[in-house]
Structures are given as structure tokens and as C-alpha cells.
N, C-alpha and C. Protein backbone atom coordinates (compact mmCIF):
# COMPACT_ATOMS: atom_id res chain seq x y z
N MET A 1 116.72 80.45 96.68
CA MET A 1 116.81 81.89 96.93
C MET A 1 116.51 82.65 95.64
N LYS A 2 116.90 82.07 94.50
CA LYS A 2 116.67 82.74 93.22
C LYS A 2 115.18 82.96 92.96
N ILE A 3 114.36 81.97 93.30
CA ILE A 3 112.91 82.09 93.06
C ILE A 3 112.31 83.18 93.94
N ILE A 4 112.81 83.31 95.16
CA ILE A 4 112.32 84.37 96.05
C ILE A 4 112.68 85.74 95.49
N THR A 5 113.88 85.89 94.94
CA THR A 5 114.28 87.14 94.33
C THR A 5 113.41 87.48 93.13
N GLU A 6 113.14 86.48 92.31
CA GLU A 6 112.29 86.72 91.12
C GLU A 6 110.88 87.09 91.52
N ILE A 7 110.31 86.42 92.53
CA ILE A 7 108.98 86.76 92.99
C ILE A 7 108.96 88.16 93.58
N SER A 8 109.99 88.50 94.32
CA SER A 8 110.09 89.83 94.91
C SER A 8 110.18 90.90 93.84
N GLU A 9 110.95 90.64 92.81
CA GLU A 9 111.07 91.60 91.72
C GLU A 9 109.73 91.80 91.01
N LEU A 10 108.98 90.71 90.84
CA LEU A 10 107.64 90.83 90.27
C LEU A 10 106.72 91.63 91.20
N LEU A 11 106.84 91.41 92.48
CA LEU A 11 106.06 92.15 93.45
C LEU A 11 106.38 93.64 93.41
N ILE A 12 107.66 93.96 93.31
CA ILE A 12 108.08 95.37 93.22
C ILE A 12 107.53 96.00 91.94
N LEU A 13 107.61 95.27 90.84
CA LEU A 13 107.07 95.77 89.58
C LEU A 13 105.56 95.98 89.68
N ALA A 14 104.87 95.02 90.31
CA ALA A 14 103.41 95.15 90.47
C ALA A 14 103.06 96.35 91.35
N MET A 15 103.78 96.55 92.42
CA MET A 15 103.53 97.68 93.31
C MET A 15 103.79 99.01 92.61
N SER A 16 104.84 99.08 91.84
CA SER A 16 105.14 100.30 91.09
C SER A 16 104.08 100.58 90.04
N THR A 17 103.63 99.51 89.39
CA THR A 17 102.58 99.64 88.38
C THR A 17 101.28 100.13 89.02
N VAL A 18 100.92 99.56 90.15
CA VAL A 18 99.72 100.01 90.88
C VAL A 18 99.82 101.48 91.25
N ALA A 19 101.00 101.90 91.72
CA ALA A 19 101.20 103.28 92.10
C ALA A 19 100.98 104.22 90.90
N VAL A 20 101.51 103.84 89.76
CA VAL A 20 101.33 104.64 88.54
C VAL A 20 99.86 104.67 88.13
N LEU A 21 99.19 103.52 88.21
CA LEU A 21 97.77 103.46 87.85
C LEU A 21 96.92 104.31 88.78
N VAL A 22 97.23 104.28 90.07
CA VAL A 22 96.52 105.12 91.05
C VAL A 22 96.68 106.59 90.69
N LEU A 23 97.91 106.97 90.37
CA LEU A 23 98.19 108.35 90.00
C LEU A 23 97.45 108.75 88.71
N ILE A 24 97.48 107.90 87.71
CA ILE A 24 96.79 108.18 86.45
C ILE A 24 95.29 108.28 86.68
N CYS A 25 94.73 107.39 87.49
CA CYS A 25 93.31 107.42 87.80
C CYS A 25 92.95 108.75 88.47
N GLY A 26 93.76 109.18 89.43
CA GLY A 26 93.51 110.45 90.10
C GLY A 26 93.56 111.63 89.16
N VAL A 27 94.54 111.63 88.26
CA VAL A 27 94.67 112.72 87.30
C VAL A 27 93.47 112.75 86.34
N ILE A 28 93.04 111.58 85.89
CA ILE A 28 91.90 111.52 84.97
C ILE A 28 90.62 112.01 85.68
N LYS A 29 90.42 111.53 86.91
CA LYS A 29 89.22 111.98 87.65
C LYS A 29 89.26 113.49 87.89
N ALA A 30 90.42 114.00 88.28
CA ALA A 30 90.54 115.44 88.54
C ALA A 30 90.32 116.23 87.25
N THR A 31 90.83 115.74 86.14
CA THR A 31 90.68 116.43 84.87
C THR A 31 89.22 116.47 84.44
N VAL A 32 88.52 115.35 84.60
CA VAL A 32 87.10 115.32 84.25
C VAL A 32 86.32 116.28 85.12
N LYS A 33 86.56 116.27 86.42
CA LYS A 33 85.86 117.21 87.31
C LYS A 33 86.21 118.66 86.96
N PHE A 34 87.46 118.90 86.62
CA PHE A 34 87.88 120.27 86.27
C PHE A 34 87.14 120.73 85.01
N VAL A 35 87.08 119.89 84.00
CA VAL A 35 86.40 120.26 82.76
C VAL A 35 84.92 120.51 83.01
N LYS A 36 84.28 119.63 83.78
CA LYS A 36 82.87 119.83 84.12
C LYS A 36 82.67 121.14 84.86
N ASN A 37 83.59 121.45 85.76
CA ASN A 37 83.50 122.69 86.54
C ASN A 37 83.65 123.91 85.64
N GLU A 38 84.54 123.85 84.68
CA GLU A 38 84.75 124.97 83.79
C GLU A 38 83.56 125.20 82.86
N VAL A 39 82.90 124.11 82.46
CA VAL A 39 81.74 124.21 81.59
C VAL A 39 80.54 124.77 82.35
N SER A 40 80.38 124.35 83.59
CA SER A 40 79.24 124.82 84.39
C SER A 40 79.53 126.21 84.93
N HIS A 41 78.52 126.74 85.56
CA HIS A 41 78.68 128.08 86.17
C HIS A 41 78.63 127.97 87.69
N ALA A 42 79.23 126.93 88.22
CA ALA A 42 79.23 126.69 89.65
C ALA A 42 80.28 127.60 90.33
N ASP A 43 80.30 127.51 91.65
CA ASP A 43 81.31 128.24 92.44
C ASP A 43 82.68 127.61 92.17
N LYS A 44 83.39 128.18 91.24
CA LYS A 44 84.63 127.59 90.73
C LYS A 44 85.71 127.45 91.79
N ALA A 45 85.84 128.41 92.68
CA ALA A 45 86.93 128.38 93.66
C ALA A 45 86.78 127.21 94.61
N SER A 46 85.59 126.98 95.14
CA SER A 46 85.41 125.89 96.10
C SER A 46 85.54 124.53 95.41
N VAL A 47 85.04 124.42 94.19
CA VAL A 47 85.15 123.16 93.45
C VAL A 47 86.62 122.88 93.13
N LEU A 48 87.34 123.90 92.75
CA LEU A 48 88.79 123.72 92.47
C LEU A 48 89.55 123.23 93.70
N ARG A 49 89.20 123.76 94.87
CA ARG A 49 89.85 123.32 96.10
C ARG A 49 89.55 121.83 96.35
N THR A 50 88.31 121.45 96.10
CA THR A 50 87.93 120.05 96.27
C THR A 50 88.69 119.15 95.30
N ILE A 51 88.78 119.57 94.07
CA ILE A 51 89.52 118.81 93.05
C ILE A 51 90.97 118.69 93.46
N LYS A 52 91.56 119.78 93.92
CA LYS A 52 92.94 119.78 94.35
C LYS A 52 93.17 118.81 95.50
N ASN A 53 92.25 118.82 96.47
CA ASN A 53 92.38 117.90 97.62
C ASN A 53 92.25 116.44 97.19
N GLU A 54 91.32 116.16 96.31
CA GLU A 54 91.16 114.79 95.86
C GLU A 54 92.38 114.31 95.06
N LEU A 55 92.90 115.18 94.20
CA LEU A 55 94.09 114.81 93.44
C LEU A 55 95.27 114.62 94.39
N GLY A 56 95.38 115.48 95.37
CA GLY A 56 96.44 115.35 96.39
C GLY A 56 96.39 114.03 97.12
N ALA A 57 95.17 113.57 97.41
CA ALA A 57 95.01 112.28 98.10
C ALA A 57 95.51 111.13 97.21
N TYR A 58 95.22 111.22 95.91
CA TYR A 58 95.72 110.18 94.99
C TYR A 58 97.23 110.22 94.90
N VAL A 59 97.81 111.41 94.83
CA VAL A 59 99.28 111.53 94.76
C VAL A 59 99.89 110.96 96.05
N LEU A 60 99.30 111.31 97.17
CA LEU A 60 99.81 110.84 98.44
C LEU A 60 99.75 109.30 98.53
N PHE A 61 98.66 108.72 98.13
CA PHE A 61 98.52 107.27 98.15
C PHE A 61 99.54 106.62 97.21
N SER A 62 99.72 107.19 96.05
CA SER A 62 100.68 106.68 95.07
C SER A 62 102.11 106.72 95.64
N LEU A 63 102.44 107.82 96.30
CA LEU A 63 103.77 107.94 96.91
C LEU A 63 103.99 106.88 98.01
N GLU A 64 102.95 106.62 98.80
CA GLU A 64 103.07 105.61 99.85
C GLU A 64 103.32 104.23 99.26
N ILE A 65 102.65 103.91 98.15
CA ILE A 65 102.88 102.62 97.50
C ILE A 65 104.30 102.53 96.98
N LEU A 66 104.80 103.62 96.39
CA LEU A 66 106.16 103.62 95.87
C LEU A 66 107.20 103.47 96.99
N ILE A 67 106.94 104.08 98.13
CA ILE A 67 107.85 103.93 99.27
C ILE A 67 107.88 102.45 99.70
N ALA A 68 106.71 101.83 99.75
CA ALA A 68 106.66 100.41 100.12
C ALA A 68 107.44 99.55 99.11
N ALA A 69 107.30 99.86 97.84
CA ALA A 69 108.05 99.12 96.80
C ALA A 69 109.56 99.30 97.00
N ASP A 70 109.98 100.52 97.31
CA ASP A 70 111.40 100.77 97.55
C ASP A 70 111.92 100.00 98.75
N ILE A 71 111.12 99.92 99.79
CA ILE A 71 111.53 99.19 100.99
C ILE A 71 111.70 97.70 100.67
N VAL A 72 110.74 97.15 99.96
CA VAL A 72 110.85 95.74 99.56
C VAL A 72 112.10 95.52 98.72
N GLU A 73 112.36 96.44 97.81
CA GLU A 73 113.55 96.30 96.93
C GLU A 73 114.83 96.35 97.74
N SER A 74 114.89 97.22 98.75
CA SER A 74 116.12 97.33 99.54
C SER A 74 116.32 96.08 100.42
N ILE A 75 115.24 95.41 100.77
CA ILE A 75 115.37 94.18 101.55
C ILE A 75 115.91 93.07 100.66
N ILE A 76 115.49 93.04 99.41
CA ILE A 76 115.91 91.98 98.51
C ILE A 76 117.34 92.20 98.01
N LYS A 77 117.69 93.45 97.72
CA LYS A 77 119.03 93.77 97.18
C LYS A 77 119.72 94.76 98.11
N PRO A 78 120.21 94.30 99.23
CA PRO A 78 120.75 95.24 100.22
C PRO A 78 122.21 95.65 100.00
N THR A 79 122.50 96.35 98.90
CA THR A 79 123.83 96.90 98.74
C THR A 79 123.86 98.31 99.37
N PHE A 80 125.02 98.77 99.69
CA PHE A 80 125.12 100.09 100.32
C PHE A 80 124.63 101.17 99.36
N GLU A 81 124.89 101.00 98.09
CA GLU A 81 124.42 101.99 97.11
C GLU A 81 122.92 102.01 97.03
N ASP A 82 122.31 100.83 97.00
CA ASP A 82 120.85 100.74 96.97
C ASP A 82 120.21 101.33 98.24
N ILE A 83 120.82 101.03 99.36
CA ILE A 83 120.32 101.53 100.64
C ILE A 83 120.42 103.07 100.67
N GLY A 84 121.52 103.60 100.16
CA GLY A 84 121.67 105.05 100.09
C GLY A 84 120.62 105.70 99.19
N LYS A 85 120.40 105.08 98.04
CA LYS A 85 119.36 105.60 97.13
C LYS A 85 118.00 105.50 97.77
N LEU A 86 117.75 104.37 98.44
CA LEU A 86 116.46 104.21 99.11
C LEU A 86 116.28 105.26 100.19
N ALA A 87 117.31 105.50 100.96
CA ALA A 87 117.20 106.50 102.02
C ALA A 87 116.87 107.87 101.44
N ALA A 88 117.54 108.24 100.36
CA ALA A 88 117.25 109.53 99.73
C ALA A 88 115.83 109.57 99.18
N LEU A 89 115.41 108.53 98.51
CA LEU A 89 114.05 108.48 97.95
C LEU A 89 112.99 108.53 99.06
N VAL A 90 113.19 107.76 100.11
CA VAL A 90 112.24 107.74 101.21
C VAL A 90 112.14 109.10 101.88
N VAL A 91 113.27 109.75 102.08
CA VAL A 91 113.26 111.07 102.70
C VAL A 91 112.50 112.06 101.81
N ILE A 92 112.81 112.06 100.54
CA ILE A 92 112.14 113.00 99.61
C ILE A 92 110.65 112.72 99.56
N ARG A 93 110.28 111.47 99.36
CA ARG A 93 108.87 111.11 99.27
C ARG A 93 108.14 111.35 100.57
N THR A 94 108.78 111.09 101.70
CA THR A 94 108.16 111.31 102.99
C THR A 94 107.91 112.78 103.23
N VAL A 95 108.87 113.62 102.89
CA VAL A 95 108.69 115.06 103.04
C VAL A 95 107.54 115.55 102.15
N ILE A 96 107.51 115.09 100.92
CA ILE A 96 106.43 115.46 100.02
C ILE A 96 105.09 114.97 100.57
N SER A 97 105.05 113.72 101.02
CA SER A 97 103.82 113.16 101.57
C SER A 97 103.37 113.94 102.81
N TYR A 98 104.31 114.29 103.67
CA TYR A 98 103.97 115.02 104.90
C TYR A 98 103.33 116.36 104.59
N PHE A 99 103.99 117.14 103.74
CA PHE A 99 103.47 118.46 103.44
C PHE A 99 102.20 118.42 102.62
N LEU A 100 102.08 117.45 101.73
CA LEU A 100 100.86 117.30 100.96
C LEU A 100 99.70 116.90 101.87
N GLY A 101 99.95 115.97 102.78
CA GLY A 101 98.92 115.56 103.74
C GLY A 101 98.52 116.70 104.65
N LYS A 102 99.49 117.47 105.08
CA LYS A 102 99.22 118.62 105.93
C LYS A 102 98.38 119.66 105.21
N GLU A 103 98.69 119.89 103.96
CA GLU A 103 97.92 120.85 103.15
C GLU A 103 96.48 120.37 102.96
N ILE A 104 96.32 119.09 102.70
CA ILE A 104 94.96 118.54 102.54
C ILE A 104 94.18 118.66 103.85
N ASP A 105 94.81 118.35 104.97
CA ASP A 105 94.14 118.45 106.28
C ASP A 105 93.75 119.89 106.58
N GLN A 106 94.62 120.84 106.28
CA GLN A 106 94.30 122.25 106.51
C GLN A 106 93.14 122.70 105.64
N GLU A 107 93.11 122.22 104.43
CA GLU A 107 92.04 122.59 103.53
C GLU A 107 90.70 122.05 104.02
N ILE A 108 90.73 120.82 104.52
CA ILE A 108 89.50 120.21 105.04
C ILE A 108 89.03 120.95 106.30
N GLU A 109 89.96 121.31 107.17
CA GLU A 109 89.61 122.01 108.39
C GLU A 109 89.05 123.41 108.13
N SER A 110 89.49 124.04 107.05
CA SER A 110 89.05 125.40 106.76
C SER A 110 87.63 125.46 106.21
N ARG A 111 87.09 124.32 105.91
CA ARG A 111 85.72 124.28 105.37
C ARG A 111 84.80 124.41 106.50
């Protein structure tokens, strides 16, 4: 059982690391596009909306990975305190994910 716990903890760490890397990648890509947009004389408002939507997609994906990592952690260490923390984190992240996804969908539909 100890080896399964250790493997699971490594999996949780890997998932959390991937989530952070996804987020960092999205921020870097958005920043590069933003700087290019500011230097050029393009239609800034529409490009900024596109950048915002793309960054939102990265944030959303990162949150989904973190939720999965939290679920795995609660399965491995099922104390009432951990389950309570997990429930709070999942609710917060799900609400953020829902509204962020809804905003991205509305933005796409308005085009």
C-alpha cells in the first residue's frame, strides 16, 4: 500500500506541475501576442478580445487539471479535513471554470 501512496503522490505532483506549466505557457503566449499587438497598428480591441479568450482557455484547462489532482489526492488520503478542503477547492474552481467558460463562449458567439 505504501508504494501505491508514493506513486499517487508523484502523480499528484506531476499533475500540479503540468497545470502550472500550462498556465505559464498561456501567460507567455498571451504576453507575446499583447506586445506584438501594442507595437503594431492593428485593430487593438478585437485582438485583445482574442488574447483574453485564449488566455482564459489556458486558465480553464489549468484549473481542470488541478481539480483532477485534488480528486486523486482525496482518494489517496481520505480524511474528513482533506475531503472538506477538497470540496471547498472544487466548488471554488468549478465556479471559476463555469463563469470563465461561459464568458469565452459568449465572446466567441458575439463574433
